[in-house]
Amino acid sequence: MRDAETESLLSAFGEYLLRSRIADEKHARFCVGWVRRFLARPPAAPTETVGEPDASKAGIPKPVTVHTLRHSFATPLLLNGVDIRQIQELLGHRNVETTMIYTHVVKDLRSAPRSPLDAL
């Protein structure tokens, strides 16, 4: 059983994905469905593959793991300027250096050329 704070966080994550322009609708629906299943039965390990049939329906070509979903949660937060300490708390990292790993992904994304239309 998950505690109320975890359930609230996972629900907020699902809502965020549905409303986000970062994830397309198929990906968002996959993540929300996964969050609901996570509450019912948490995976045994961060590398456990989750939601294979749902992922392929959403057009996600690679296996989806808890680790993948954590990156999908943390990366948009960083891209949108959320403080690294807040993300550390949300992810449950004891040490901020663990959370800083996500900044490498963000640096790569920010250095890629973007269309001004992406902001619409």
Protein backbone atom coordinates (compact mmCIF):
# COMPACT_ATOMS: atom_id res chain seq x y z
CA MET A 1 0.00 0.00 0.00
CA ARG A 2 1.30 3.46 -0.92
CA ASP A 3 1.09 6.35 1.51
CA ALA A 4 -1.21 9.29 0.77
CA GLU A 5 1.65 11.60 -0.22
CA THR A 6 2.95 9.13 -2.82
CA GLU A 7 -0.53 8.58 -4.22
CA SER A 8 -1.03 12.33 -4.47
CA LEU A 9 2.31 12.78 -6.25
CA LEU A 10 1.61 10.00 -8.73
CA SER A 11 -1.86 11.38 -9.44
CA ALA A 12 -0.40 14.84 -10.00
CA PHE A 13 2.17 13.33 -12.36
CA GLY A 14 -0.56 11.68 -14.37
CA GLU A 15 -2.56 14.91 -14.54
CA TYR A 16 0.56 16.82 -15.58
CA LEU A 17 1.26 14.40 -18.41
CA LEU A 18 -2.27 14.64 -19.73
CA ARG A 19 -2.08 18.43 -19.81
CA SER A 20 1.55 18.72 -20.90
CA ARG A 21 2.59 19.75 -24.37
CA ILE A 22 5.84 17.87 -23.81
CA ALA A 23 4.25 14.44 -24.21
CA ASP A 24 1.84 13.63 -27.00
CA GLU A 25 -1.55 12.23 -26.09
CA LYS A 26 -0.64 8.56 -26.66
CA HIS A 27 2.46 8.83 -24.45
CA ALA A 28 0.54 10.72 -21.77
CA ARG A 29 -2.24 8.12 -21.69
CA PHE A 30 0.38 5.35 -21.40
CA CYS A 31 2.02 7.08 -18.43
CA VAL A 32 -1.26 7.78 -16.65
CA GLY A 33 -2.31 4.15 -17.08
CA TRP A 34 1.05 3.04 -15.75
CA VAL A 35 0.74 5.30 -12.72
CA ARG A 36 -2.62 3.72 -11.89
CA ARG A 37 -1.14 0.21 -12.15
CA PHE A 38 1.88 1.29 -10.09
CA LEU A 39 -0.42 2.20 -7.23
CA ALA A 40 -1.97 -1.27 -7.40
CA ARG A 41 1.34 -3.18 -7.71
CA PRO A 42 4.68 -1.37 -7.46
CA PRO A 43 7.46 -2.91 -9.62
CA ALA A 44 10.09 -4.94 -7.80
CA ALA A 45 13.08 -3.06 -9.26
CA PRO A 46 13.81 0.17 -11.20
CA THR A 47 14.88 -1.89 -14.22
CA GLU A 48 11.70 -4.03 -14.30
CA THR A 49 9.94 -3.55 -17.62
CA VAL A 50 6.45 -2.15 -17.22
CA GLY A 51 3.48 -1.79 -19.50
CA GLU A 52 4.87 -3.52 -22.61
CA PRO A 53 1.53 -3.77 -24.49
CA ASP A 54 0.57 -0.22 -23.55
CA ALA A 55 3.96 1.13 -24.59
CA SER A 56 3.79 -0.43 -28.03
CA LYS A 57 0.23 0.91 -28.52
CA ALA A 58 1.56 4.38 -27.65
CA GLY A 59 4.31 4.01 -30.25
CA ILE A 60 7.12 3.84 -27.70
CA PRO A 61 9.76 1.67 -29.39
CA LYS A 62 11.97 0.85 -26.40
CA PRO A 63 11.16 -1.06 -23.21
CA VAL A 64 9.74 1.19 -20.49
CA THR A 65 11.10 0.80 -16.97
CA VAL A 66 10.57 2.63 -13.69
CA HIS A 67 13.87 4.35 -14.43
CA THR A 68 12.49 5.55 -17.80
CA LEU A 69 9.40 6.96 -16.11
CA ARG A 70 11.47 8.73 -13.46
CA HIS A 71 13.45 10.40 -16.25
CA SER A 72 10.17 11.29 -17.97
CA PHE A 73 9.09 12.96 -14.75
CA ALA A 74 12.32 14.78 -13.82
CA THR A 75 13.44 16.04 -17.23
CA PRO A 76 10.40 18.25 -17.99
CA LEU A 77 10.61 19.67 -14.47
CA LEU A 78 14.22 20.72 -15.07
CA LEU A 79 13.41 22.07 -18.53
CA ASN A 80 10.69 24.21 -16.97
CA GLY A 81 12.98 25.67 -14.30
CA VAL A 82 11.93 23.71 -11.21
CA ASP A 83 14.60 23.95 -8.52
CA ILE A 84 16.89 20.91 -8.34
CA ARG A 85 16.26 20.57 -4.57
CA GLN A 86 12.51 20.30 -5.15
CA ILE A 87 13.09 17.60 -7.76
CA GLN A 88 15.44 15.83 -5.36
CA GLU A 89 12.66 15.73 -2.78
CA LEU A 90 10.04 14.56 -5.28
CA LEU A 91 12.28 11.73 -6.48
CA GLY A 92 13.25 10.75 -2.95
CA HIS A 93 17.00 11.12 -3.51
CA ARG A 94 19.07 11.43 -0.34
CA ASN A 95 21.87 13.24 -2.13
CA VAL A 96 21.42 16.09 -4.62
CA GLU A 97 24.29 14.70 -6.72
CA THR A 98 22.04 11.78 -7.65
CA THR A 99 19.43 14.23 -8.93
CA MET A 100 22.10 16.22 -10.80
CA ILE A 101 22.44 13.27 -13.21
CA TYR A 102 19.24 14.51 -14.86
CA THR A 103 20.89 17.85 -15.67
CA HIS A 104 23.13 16.11 -18.25
CA VAL A 105 20.05 15.06 -20.21
CA VAL A 106 18.69 18.60 -20.02
CA LYS A 107 21.98 20.11 -21.26
CA ASP A 108 21.82 17.82 -24.30
CA LEU A 109 18.20 18.77 -24.98
CA ARG A 110 18.86 22.49 -24.61
CA SER A 111 21.80 22.42 -27.00
CA ALA A 112 19.69 20.88 -29.77
CA PRO A 113 18.23 23.39 -32.23
CA ARG A 114 14.56 24.20 -31.63
CA SER A 115 11.84 25.69 -33.71
CA PRO A 116 10.14 28.82 -32.33
CA LEU A 117 6.89 26.94 -32.97
CA ASP A 118 7.83 24.45 -30.23
CA ALA A 119 6.88 27.07 -27.65
CA LEU A 120 3.31 27.39 -28.96
